[in-house]
Protein backbone atom coordinates (compact mmCIF):
# COMPACT_ATOMS: atom_id res chain seq x y z
CA UNK A 1 4.76 -18.22 46.05
CA UNK A 2 1.74 -20.06 45.57
CA UNK A 3 1.04 -22.11 42.52
CA UNK A 4 -2.09 -20.20 41.71
CA UNK A 5 0.07 -16.97 41.75
CA UNK A 6 2.62 -18.52 39.35
CA UNK A 7 -0.36 -19.68 37.03
CA UNK A 8 -1.58 -16.09 37.01
CA UNK A 9 1.70 -14.69 36.28
CA UNK A 10 2.17 -17.17 33.41
CA UNK A 11 -1.26 -16.30 31.99
CA UNK A 12 -0.72 -12.28 32.05
CA UNK A 13 2.94 -13.02 30.45
CA UNK A 14 1.53 -15.10 27.67
CA UNK A 15 -1.12 -12.43 26.99
CA UNK A 16 1.53 -9.85 26.80
CA UNK A 17 3.59 -11.68 24.48
CA UNK A 18 0.50 -12.34 22.11
CA UNK A 19 -0.37 -8.82 21.98
CA UNK A 20 3.22 -7.68 21.34
CA UNK A 21 3.62 -10.24 18.61
CA UNK A 22 0.40 -9.18 16.94
CA UNK A 23 1.50 -5.63 17.02
CA UNK A 24 4.82 -6.31 15.57
CA UNK A 25 3.17 -8.41 12.97
CA UNK A 26 0.77 -5.61 12.04
CA UNK A 27 3.94 -3.18 11.85
CA UNK A 28 5.76 -5.57 9.81
CA UNK A 29 2.88 -5.82 7.32
CA UNK A 30 2.49 -2.11 7.14
CA UNK A 31 6.26 -1.76 6.40
CA UNK A 32 5.80 -4.28 3.52
CA UNK A 33 2.69 -2.28 2.29
CA UNK A 34 4.71 0.87 2.31
CA UNK A 35 7.71 -0.68 0.46
CA UNK A 36 5.50 -1.75 -2.45
CA UNK A 37 4.37 1.79 -2.68
CA UNK A 38 7.73 3.31 -3.15
CA UNK A 39 7.78 2.90 -6.89
CA UNK A 40 4.42 4.78 -7.21
CA UNK A 41 6.12 8.09 -6.55
CA UNK A 42 7.92 7.79 -10.03
CA UNK A 43 4.66 6.49 -11.70
CA UNK A 44 2.74 9.28 -10.55
CA UNK A 45 5.29 11.67 -11.72
CA UNK A 46 5.15 10.08 -15.00
CA UNK A 47 1.36 10.13 -15.29
CA UNK A 48 1.09 13.56 -14.23
CA UNK A 49 3.79 14.83 -16.63
CA UNK A 50 1.86 13.03 -19.60
CA UNK A 51 -1.46 14.58 -18.53
CA UNK A 52 -0.07 18.18 -18.26
CA UNK A 53 1.71 17.52 -21.67
CA UNK A 54 -0.96 15.84 -23.47
CA UNK A 55 -4.31 16.84 -21.76
CA UNK A 56 -5.01 12.93 -21.47
CA UNK A 57 -4.27 10.39 -19.04
CA UNK A 58 -2.04 7.85 -20.06
CA UNK A 59 -3.35 4.14 -20.03
CA UNK A 60 -0.19 1.96 -19.75
CA UNK A 61 3.43 1.99 -18.11
CA UNK A 62 4.66 2.43 -21.93
CA UNK A 63 2.30 5.62 -22.60
CA UNK A 64 3.17 7.18 -19.41
CA UNK A 65 6.93 6.58 -19.99
CA UNK A 66 7.18 4.63 -16.91
CA UNK A 67 9.27 1.56 -16.53
CA UNK A 68 8.18 -0.45 -13.58
CA UNK A 69 11.11 -1.61 -11.17
CA UNK A 70 11.37 -5.27 -10.85
CA UNK A 71 10.18 -6.63 -7.52
CA UNK A 72 9.65 -9.69 -5.78
CA UNK A 73 7.00 -8.35 -3.41
CA UNK A 74 4.80 -6.20 -5.74
CA UNK A 75 4.20 -4.86 -9.23
CA UNK A 76 3.29 -1.48 -10.40
CA UNK A 77 1.17 -0.91 -13.33
CA UNK A 78 -0.61 2.21 -15.32
CA UNK A 79 -3.90 1.36 -16.34
CA UNK A 80 -6.82 3.07 -17.94
CA UNK A 81 -7.39 6.75 -17.07
CA UNK A 82 -3.95 7.04 -15.43
CA UNK A 83 -4.81 4.70 -12.68
CA UNK A 84 -1.78 3.26 -10.79
CA UNK A 85 -2.15 -0.13 -9.52
CA UNK A 86 0.23 -1.98 -6.94
CA UNK A 87 -0.35 -5.71 -6.70
CA UNK A 88 1.33 -7.43 -3.85
CA UNK A 89 3.00 -10.82 -4.44
CA UNK A 90 4.32 -11.11 -0.84
CA UNK A 91 3.93 -11.43 2.06
CA UNK A 92 1.50 -14.47 1.73
CA UNK A 93 -1.15 -12.49 4.00
CA UNK A 94 -1.78 -9.94 1.29
CA UNK A 95 -0.80 -11.81 -1.85
CA UNK A 96 -3.18 -10.73 -4.58
CA UNK A 97 -4.19 -7.60 -2.69
CA UNK A 98 -3.71 -4.38 -4.31
CA UNK A 99 -3.85 -0.56 -3.89
CA UNK A 100 -5.22 1.52 -6.66
CA UNK A 101 -4.21 5.20 -7.04
CA UNK A 102 -6.73 7.30 -9.18
CA UNK A 103 -5.74 10.66 -10.48
CA UNK A 104 -7.92 13.69 -10.87
CA UNK A 105 -7.25 17.30 -11.94
CA UNK A 106 -8.76 20.45 -10.75
CA UNK A 107 -8.86 23.88 -12.33
CA UNK A 108 -5.41 25.24 -12.32
CA UNK A 109 -3.85 21.90 -13.24
CA UNK A 110 -3.66 20.52 -9.84
CA UNK A 111 -3.60 16.81 -9.73
CA UNK A 112 -5.14 14.92 -6.89
CA UNK A 113 -4.73 11.22 -6.28
CA UNK A 114 -7.52 9.02 -4.61
CA UNK A 115 -6.29 5.91 -2.82
CA UNK A 116 -8.42 2.72 -2.52
CA UNK A 117 -7.46 -0.91 -1.68
CA UNK A 118 -8.60 -4.46 -1.96
CA UNK A 119 -7.33 -7.31 0.17
CA UNK A 120 -5.27 -5.49 2.65
CA UNK A 121 -6.07 -4.84 6.21
CA UNK A 122 -6.92 -1.39 6.98
CA UNK A 123 -4.15 -1.14 9.75
CA UNK A 124 -1.60 -1.90 7.30
CA UNK A 125 -2.69 0.76 4.66
CA UNK A 126 -0.92 4.26 4.91
CA UNK A 127 -3.22 6.90 6.43
CA UNK A 128 -3.89 8.48 3.00
CA UNK A 129 -5.46 5.22 1.95
CA UNK A 130 -7.62 4.64 5.02
CA UNK A 131 -11.38 5.31 4.72
CA UNK A 132 -12.14 8.41 6.88
């Protein structure tokens, strides 16, 4: 095999490894984002129940009757108008980034959740949080 062919093979192999590594990193980040969202299921339930019972959105974890689990990767907090904010502490690439879930209700008592984010790459967000 000629040296030029070996160089070309090495370049192609290095490119393939770089692409695979970037893809794995993106997948790992998306998994961390999803992991941070896990506690929001219980927070959404607590916020929804308080709204159904009282007709007003809770404005804190306490008023929602929600106790956020302790986590080293993210924090979950109920805020004004029943918004639920997940703030990420790790991994470093999204530290300080957040996802905000905002509730609304329609006739018939159906509660809808709108998702927005700040500081988190779109490809790491769940589909329901990506801009259409």
